[in-house]
Amino acid sequence: STEAEKEDQLAACHAFQQRHAAKAAAALEKLKHVAITGGNLFEAMMDTAQVASLGQISAALYEVGGQYRRNL
């Protein structure tokens, strides 16, 4: 992809995050709670994806579950 395409995608992601900022925090907290309590994570992720980016969802899940690091 070109640099302009990358910038467009980043701008779109930031705009999405700004539009949904009020709902994203609550959805991400609910997602973390579901992950901790062993609930239906797929359903919670589908709901959260309506208001949060993949990066936000990943960060929330890393917070509660840690991040896999392969030993080399």
PDB file of N, CA and C in Angstrom:
ATOM      1  N   SER A   1       0.836  -1.183   0.000  1.00  0.00           N
ATOM      2  CA  SER A   1       0.000   0.000   0.000  1.00  0.00           C
ATOM      3  C   SER A   1       0.880   1.245   0.000  1.00  0.00           C
ATOM      4  N   THR A   2       0.310   2.308  -0.447  1.00  0.00           N
ATOM      5  CA  THR A   2       1.049   3.564  -0.493  1.00  0.00           C
ATOM      6  C   THR A   2       0.983   4.255   0.867  1.00  0.00           C
ATOM      7  N   GLU A   3       1.829   5.241   1.030  1.00  0.00           N
ATOM      8  CA  GLU A   3       1.832   6.014   2.277  1.00  0.00           C
ATOM      9  C   GLU A   3       0.498   6.730   2.465  1.00  0.00           C
ATOM     10  N   ALA A   4      -0.085   7.218   1.390  1.00  0.00           N
ATOM     11  CA  ALA A   4      -1.386   7.904   1.466  1.00  0.00           C
ATOM     12  C   ALA A   4      -2.482   6.942   1.933  1.00  0.00           C
ATOM     13  N   GLU A   5      -2.444   5.702   1.432  1.00  0.00           N
ATOM     14  CA  GLU A   5      -3.428   4.704   1.855  1.00  0.00           C
ATOM     15  C   GLU A   5      -3.280   4.377   3.342  1.00  0.00           C
ATOM     16  N   LYS A   6      -2.056   4.278   3.799  1.00  0.00           N
ATOM     17  CA  LYS A   6      -1.814   4.023   5.220  1.00  0.00           C
ATOM     18  C   LYS A   6      -2.355   5.161   6.067  1.00  0.00           C
ATOM     19  N   GLU A   7      -2.085   6.382   5.650  1.00  0.00           N
ATOM     20  CA  GLU A   7      -2.562   7.552   6.385  1.00  0.00           C
ATOM     21  C   GLU A   7      -4.091   7.613   6.399  1.00  0.00           C
ATOM     22  N   ASP A   8      -4.720   7.265   5.293  1.00  0.00           N
ATOM     23  CA  ASP A   8      -6.187   7.244   5.225  1.00  0.00           C
ATOM     24  C   ASP A   8      -6.756   6.223   6.210  1.00  0.00           C
ATOM     25  N   GLN A   9      -6.149   5.051   6.271  1.00  0.00           N
ATOM     26  CA  GLN A   9      -6.623   4.018   7.189  1.00  0.00           C
ATOM     27  C   GLN A   9      -6.443   4.442   8.644  1.00  0.00           C
ATOM     28  N   LEU A  10      -5.309   5.056   8.948  1.00  0.00           N
ATOM     29  CA  LEU A  10      -5.082   5.539  10.315  1.00  0.00           C
ATOM     30  C   LEU A  10      -6.087   6.622  10.687  1.00  0.00           C
ATOM     31  N   ALA A  11      -6.351   7.519   9.752  1.00  0.00           N
ATOM     32  CA  ALA A  11      -7.324   8.593  10.002  1.00  0.00           C
ATOM     33  C   ALA A  11      -8.719   8.009  10.220  1.00  0.00           C
ATOM     34  N   ALA A  12      -9.080   7.009   9.433  1.00  0.00           N
ATOM     35  CA  ALA A  12     -10.385   6.368   9.578  1.00  0.00           C
ATOM     36  C   ALA A  12     -10.496   5.668  10.933  1.00  0.00           C
ATOM     37  N   CYS A  13      -9.429   5.020  11.363  1.00  0.00           N
ATOM     38  CA  CYS A  13      -9.424   4.341  12.653  1.00  0.00           C
ATOM     39  C   CYS A  13      -9.568   5.344  13.801  1.00  0.00           C
ATOM     40  N   HIS A  14      -8.835   6.440  13.737  1.00  0.00           N
ATOM     41  CA  HIS A  14      -8.926   7.467  14.775  1.00  0.00           C
ATOM     42  C   HIS A  14     -10.313   8.100  14.798  1.00  0.00           C
ATOM     43  N   ALA A  15     -10.896   8.336  13.646  1.00  0.00           N
ATOM     44  CA  ALA A  15     -12.243   8.898  13.575  1.00  0.00           C
ATOM     45  C   ALA A  15     -13.256   7.931  14.189  1.00  0.00           C
ATOM     46  N   PHE A  16     -13.115   6.639  13.885  1.00  0.00           N
ATOM     47  CA  PHE A  16     -13.991   5.612  14.462  1.00  0.00           C
ATOM     48  C   PHE A  16     -13.880   5.621  15.984  1.00  0.00           C
ATOM     49  N   GLN A  17     -12.644   5.665  16.480  1.00  0.00           N
ATOM     50  CA  GLN A  17     -12.431   5.659  17.924  1.00  0.00           C
ATOM     51  C   GLN A  17     -13.037   6.896  18.580  1.00  0.00           C
ATOM     52  N   GLN A  18     -12.929   8.045  17.936  1.00  0.00           N
ATOM     53  CA  GLN A  18     -13.495   9.270  18.487  1.00  0.00           C
ATOM     54  C   GLN A  18     -15.019   9.235  18.484  1.00  0.00           C
ATOM     55  N   ARG A  19     -15.614   8.709  17.398  1.00  0.00           N
ATOM     56  CA  ARG A  19     -17.075   8.630  17.310  1.00  0.00           C
ATOM     57  C   ARG A  19     -17.670   7.742  18.393  1.00  0.00           C
ATOM     58  N   HIS A  20     -16.942   6.711  18.768  1.00  0.00           N
ATOM     59  CA  HIS A  20     -17.468   5.719  19.706  1.00  0.00           C
ATOM     60  C   HIS A  20     -16.791   5.758  21.071  1.00  0.00           C
ATOM     61  N   ALA A  21     -16.086   6.822  21.370  1.00  0.00           N
ATOM     62  CA  ALA A  21     -15.314   6.898  22.616  1.00  0.00           C
ATOM     63  C   ALA A  21     -16.194   6.697  23.847  1.00  0.00           C
ATOM     64  N   ALA A  22     -17.388   7.261  23.844  1.00  0.00           N
ATOM     65  CA  ALA A  22     -18.254   7.166  25.019  1.00  0.00           C
ATOM     66  C   ALA A  22     -18.695   5.730  25.280  1.00  0.00           C
ATOM     67  N   LYS A  23     -18.969   4.969  24.255  1.00  0.00           N
ATOM     68  CA  LYS A  23     -19.450   3.594  24.415  1.00  0.00           C
ATOM     69  C   LYS A  23     -18.312   2.582  24.508  1.00  0.00           C
ATOM     70  N   ALA A  24     -17.169   2.914  23.952  1.00  0.00           N
ATOM     71  CA  ALA A  24     -16.062   1.955  23.889  1.00  0.00           C
ATOM     72  C   ALA A  24     -15.546   1.572  25.268  1.00  0.00           C
ATOM     73  N   ALA A  25     -15.409   2.536  26.147  1.00  0.00           N
ATOM     74  CA  ALA A  25     -14.856   2.238  27.473  1.00  0.00           C
ATOM     75  C   ALA A  25     -15.708   1.208  28.207  1.00  0.00           C
ATOM     76  N   ALA A  26     -17.013   1.377  28.190  1.00  0.00           N
ATOM     77  CA  ALA A  26     -17.905   0.438  28.870  1.00  0.00           C
ATOM     78  C   ALA A  26     -17.869  -0.934  28.194  1.00  0.00           C
ATOM     79  N   ALA A  27     -17.852  -0.956  26.877  1.00  0.00           N
ATOM     80  CA  ALA A  27     -17.818  -2.226  26.144  1.00  0.00           C
ATOM     81  C   ALA A  27     -16.516  -2.975  26.415  1.00  0.00           C
ATOM     82  N   LEU A  28     -15.409  -2.253  26.487  1.00  0.00           N
ATOM     83  CA  LEU A  28     -14.119  -2.895  26.754  1.00  0.00           C
ATOM     84  C   LEU A  28     -14.060  -3.439  28.180  1.00  0.00           C
ATOM     85  N   GLU A  29     -14.649  -2.714  29.130  1.00  0.00           N
ATOM     86  CA  GLU A  29     -14.699  -3.215  30.509  1.00  0.00           C
ATOM     87  C   GLU A  29     -15.547  -4.479  30.587  1.00  0.00           C
ATOM     88  N   LYS A  30     -16.677  -4.492  29.873  1.00  0.00           N
ATOM     89  CA  LYS A  30     -17.526  -5.680  29.846  1.00  0.00           C
ATOM     90  C   LYS A  30     -16.772  -6.853  29.231  1.00  0.00           C
ATOM     91  N   LEU A  31     -16.028  -6.591  28.151  1.00  0.00           N
ATOM     92  CA  LEU A  31     -15.238  -7.627  27.503  1.00  0.00           C
ATOM     93  C   LEU A  31     -14.216  -8.214  28.468  1.00  0.00           C
ATOM     94  N   LYS A  32     -13.529  -7.365  29.209  1.00  0.00           N
ATOM     95  CA  LYS A  32     -12.543  -7.841  30.178  1.00  0.00           C
ATOM     96  C   LYS A  32     -13.211  -8.683  31.262  1.00  0.00           C
ATOM     97  N   HIS A  33     -14.378  -8.244  31.711  1.00  0.00           N
ATOM     98  CA  HIS A  33     -15.099  -8.997  32.739  1.00  0.00           C
ATOM     99  C   HIS A  33     -15.482 -10.389  32.222  1.00  0.00           C
ATOM    100  N   VAL A  34     -15.987 -10.440  30.998  1.00  0.00           N
ATOM    101  CA  VAL A  34     -16.368 -11.725  30.402  1.00  0.00           C
ATOM    102  C   VAL A  34     -15.146 -12.629  30.281  1.00  0.00           C
ATOM    103  N   ALA A  35     -14.013 -12.060  29.884  1.00  0.00           N
ATOM    104  CA  ALA A  35     -12.787 -12.859  29.746  1.00  0.00           C
ATOM    105  C   ALA A  35     -12.339 -13.418  31.091  1.00  0.00           C
ATOM    106  N   ILE A  36     -12.425 -12.612  32.132  1.00  0.00           N
ATOM    107  CA  ILE A  36     -11.987 -13.041  33.459  1.00  0.00           C
ATOM    108  C   ILE A  36     -12.912 -14.111  34.025  1.00  0.00           C
ATOM    109  N   THR A  37     -14.214 -13.962  33.794  1.00  0.00           N
ATOM    110  CA  THR A  37     -15.185 -14.873  34.397  1.00  0.00           C
ATOM    111  C   THR A  37     -15.462 -16.107  33.547  1.00  0.00           C
ATOM    112  N   GLY A  38     -14.863 -16.184  32.364  1.00  0.00           N
ATOM    113  CA  GLY A  38     -15.025 -17.362  31.529  1.00  0.00           C
ATOM    114  C   GLY A  38     -16.340 -17.406  30.776  1.00  0.00           C
ATOM    115  N   GLY A  39     -16.912 -16.241  30.502  1.00  0.00           N
ATOM    116  CA  GLY A  39     -18.168 -16.181  29.765  1.00  0.00           C
ATOM    117  C   GLY A  39     -17.960 -16.384  28.271  1.00  0.00           C
ATOM    118  N   ASN A  40     -18.998 -16.082  27.498  1.00  0.00           N
ATOM    119  CA  ASN A  40     -18.963 -16.248  26.045  1.00  0.00           C
ATOM    120  C   ASN A  40     -18.158 -15.098  25.432  1.00  0.00           C
ATOM    121  N   LEU A  41     -16.879 -15.338  25.257  1.00  0.00           N
ATOM    122  CA  LEU A  41     -15.971 -14.307  24.779  1.00  0.00           C
ATOM    123  C   LEU A  41     -16.268 -13.902  23.338  1.00  0.00           C
ATOM    124  N   PHE A  42     -16.670 -14.851  22.516  1.00  0.00           N
ATOM    125  CA  PHE A  42     -16.976 -14.529  21.117  1.00  0.00           C
ATOM    126  C   PHE A  42     -18.130 -13.534  21.038  1.00  0.00           C
ATOM    127  N   GLU A  43     -19.185 -13.781  21.781  1.00  0.00           N
ATOM    128  CA  GLU A  43     -20.333 -12.875  21.778  1.00  0.00           C
ATOM    129  C   GLU A  43     -19.933 -11.482  22.261  1.00  0.00           C
ATOM    130  N   ALA A  44     -19.159 -11.425  23.326  1.00  0.00           N
ATOM    131  CA  ALA A  44     -18.713 -10.141  23.869  1.00  0.00           C
ATOM    132  C   ALA A  44     -17.820  -9.408  22.872  1.00  0.00           C
ATOM    133  N   MET A  45     -16.960 -10.139  22.169  1.00  0.00           N
ATOM    134  CA  MET A  45     -16.089  -9.506  21.178  1.00  0.00           C
ATOM    135  C   MET A  45     -16.898  -8.952  20.012  1.00  0.00           C
ATOM    136  N   MET A  46     -17.930  -9.680  19.595  1.00  0.00           N
ATOM    137  CA  MET A  46     -18.775  -9.204  18.501  1.00  0.00           C
ATOM    138  C   MET A  46     -19.484  -7.912  18.892  1.00  0.00           C
ATOM    139  N   ASP A  47     -19.962  -7.831  20.122  1.00  0.00           N
ATOM    140  CA  ASP A  47     -20.604  -6.612  20.602  1.00  0.00           C
ATOM    141  C   ASP A  47     -19.592  -5.462  20.695  1.00  0.00           C
ATOM    142  N   THR A  48     -18.436  -5.754  21.219  1.00  0.00           N
ATOM    143  CA  THR A  48     -17.407  -4.741  21.413  1.00  0.00           C
ATOM    144  C   THR A  48     -16.879  -4.207  20.081  1.00  0.00           C
ATOM    145  N   ALA A  49     -16.826  -5.059  19.075  1.00  0.00           N
ATOM    146  CA  ALA A  49     -16.316  -4.645  17.764  1.00  0.00           C
ATOM    147  C   ALA A  49     -17.180  -3.572  17.106  1.00  0.00           C
ATOM    148  N   GLN A  50     -18.391  -3.393  17.603  1.00  0.00           N
ATOM    149  CA  GLN A  50     -19.263  -2.347  17.066  1.00  0.00           C
ATOM    150  C   GLN A  50     -18.777  -0.947  17.461  1.00  0.00           C
ATOM    151  N   VAL A  51     -18.029  -0.871  18.583  1.00  0.00           N
ATOM    152  CA  VAL A  51     -17.638   0.439  19.110  1.00  0.00           C
ATOM    153  C   VAL A  51     -16.147   0.575  19.408  1.00  0.00           C
ATOM    154  N   ALA A  52     -15.370  -0.492  19.216  1.00  0.00           N
ATOM    155  CA  ALA A  52     -13.937  -0.445  19.532  1.00  0.00           C
ATOM    156  C   ALA A  52     -13.135  -1.061  18.393  1.00  0.00           C
ATOM    157  N   SER A  53     -11.931  -0.566  18.216  1.00  0.00           N
ATOM    158  CA  SER A  53     -11.058  -1.075  17.158  1.00  0.00           C
ATOM    159  C   SER A  53     -10.390  -2.377  17.596  1.00  0.00           C
ATOM    160  N   LEU A  54      -9.832  -3.073  16.640  1.00  0.00           N
ATOM    161  CA  LEU A  54      -9.120  -4.320  16.936  1.00  0.00           C
ATOM    162  C   LEU A  54      -7.981  -4.066  17.922  1.00  0.00           C
ATOM    163  N   GLY A  55      -7.293  -2.968  17.754  1.00  0.00           N
ATOM    164  CA  GLY A  55      -6.200  -2.632  18.670  1.00  0.00           C
ATOM    165  C   GLY A  55      -6.688  -2.423  20.093  1.00  0.00           C
ATOM    166  N   GLN A  56      -7.831  -1.763  20.255  1.00  0.00           N
ATOM    167  CA  GLN A  56      -8.393  -1.542  21.580  1.00  0.00           C
ATOM    168  C   GLN A  56      -8.837  -2.866  22.202  1.00  0.00           C
ATOM    169  N   ILE A  57      -9.455  -3.725  21.398  1.00  0.00           N
ATOM    170  CA  ILE A  57      -9.908  -5.026  21.888  1.00  0.00           C
ATOM    171  C   ILE A  57      -8.709  -5.874  22.301  1.00  0.00           C
ATOM    172  N   SER A  58      -7.678  -5.898  21.470  1.00  0.00           N
ATOM    173  CA  SER A  58      -6.476  -6.675  21.778  1.00  0.00           C
ATOM    174  C   SER A  58      -5.829  -6.182  23.062  1.00  0.00           C
ATOM    175  N   ALA A  59      -5.715  -4.880  23.207  1.00  0.00           N
ATOM    176  CA  ALA A  59      -5.093  -4.311  24.411  1.00  0.00           C
ATOM    177  C   ALA A  59      -5.877  -4.689  25.659  1.00  0.00           C
ATOM    178  N   ALA A  60      -7.205  -4.649  25.573  1.00  0.00           N
ATOM    179  CA  ALA A  60      -8.041  -5.009  26.721  1.00  0.00           C
ATOM    180  C   ALA A  60      -7.842  -6.472  27.097  1.00  0.00           C
ATOM    181  N   LEU A  61      -7.799  -7.341  26.102  1.00  0.00           N
ATOM    182  CA  LEU A  61      -7.610  -8.764  26.386  1.00  0.00           C
ATOM    183  C   LEU A  61      -6.203  -9.053  26.899  1.00  0.00           C
ATOM    184  N   TYR A  62      -5.207  -8.342  26.406  1.00  0.00           N
ATOM    185  CA  TYR A  62      -3.843  -8.510  26.913  1.00  0.00           C
ATOM    186  C   TYR A  62      -3.768  -8.090  28.383  1.00  0.00           C
ATOM    187  N   GLU A  63      -4.550  -7.065  28.746  1.00  0.00           N
ATOM    188  CA  GLU A  63      -4.561  -6.589  30.129  1.00  0.00           C
ATOM    189  C   GLU A  63      -4.967  -7.687  31.092  1.00  0.00           C
ATOM    190  N   VAL A  64      -5.993  -8.428  30.733  1.00  0.00           N
ATOM    191  CA  VAL A  64      -6.516  -9.434  31.656  1.00  0.00           C
ATOM    192  C   VAL A  64      -5.917 -10.821  31.466  1.00  0.00           C
ATOM    193  N   GLY A  65      -5.425 -11.110  30.283  1.00  0.00           N
ATOM    194  CA  GLY A  65      -4.931 -12.458  30.032  1.00  0.00           C
ATOM    195  C   GLY A  65      -3.461 -12.558  29.753  1.00  0.00           C
ATOM    196  N   GLY A  66      -2.806 -11.439  29.608  1.00  0.00           N
ATOM    197  CA  GLY A  66      -1.397 -11.460  29.253  1.00  0.00           C
ATOM    198  C   GLY A  66      -1.213 -11.640  27.762  1.00  0.00           C
ATOM    199  N   GLN A  67       0.000 -11.514  27.329  1.00  0.00           N
ATOM    200  CA  GLN A  67       0.320 -11.627  25.902  1.00  0.00           C
ATOM    201  C   GLN A  67       1.242 -12.812  25.700  1.00  0.00           C
ATOM    202  N   TYR A  68       0.882 -13.657  24.750  1.00  0.00           N
ATOM    203  CA  TYR A  68       1.685 -14.846  24.463  1.00  0.00           C
ATOM    204  C   TYR A  68       3.015 -14.435  23.848  1.00  0.00           C
ATOM    205  N   ARG A  69       4.073 -14.955  24.403  1.00  0.00           N
ATOM    206  CA  ARG A  69       5.419 -14.745  23.867  1.00  0.00           C
ATOM    207  C   ARG A  69       6.070 -16.102  23.682  1.00  0.00           C
ATOM    208  N   ARG A  70       6.408 -16.425  22.454  1.00  0.00           N
ATOM    209  CA  ARG A  70       7.035 -17.707  22.170  1.00  0.00           C
ATOM    210  C   ARG A  70       8.491 -17.673  22.613  1.00  0.00           C
ATOM    211  N   ASN A  71       8.919 -18.706  23.296  1.00  0.00           N
ATOM    212  CA  ASN A  71      10.317 -18.821  23.689  1.00  0.00           C
ATOM    213  C   ASN A  71      11.133 -19.302  22.513  1.00  0.00           C
ATOM    214  N   LEU A  72      12.203 -18.633  22.244  1.00  0.00           N
ATOM    215  CA  LEU A  72      13.083 -19.041  21.150  1.00  0.00           C
ATOM    216  C   LEU A  72      14.372 -19.611  21.679  1.00  0.00           C
TER     217      LEU A  72
END
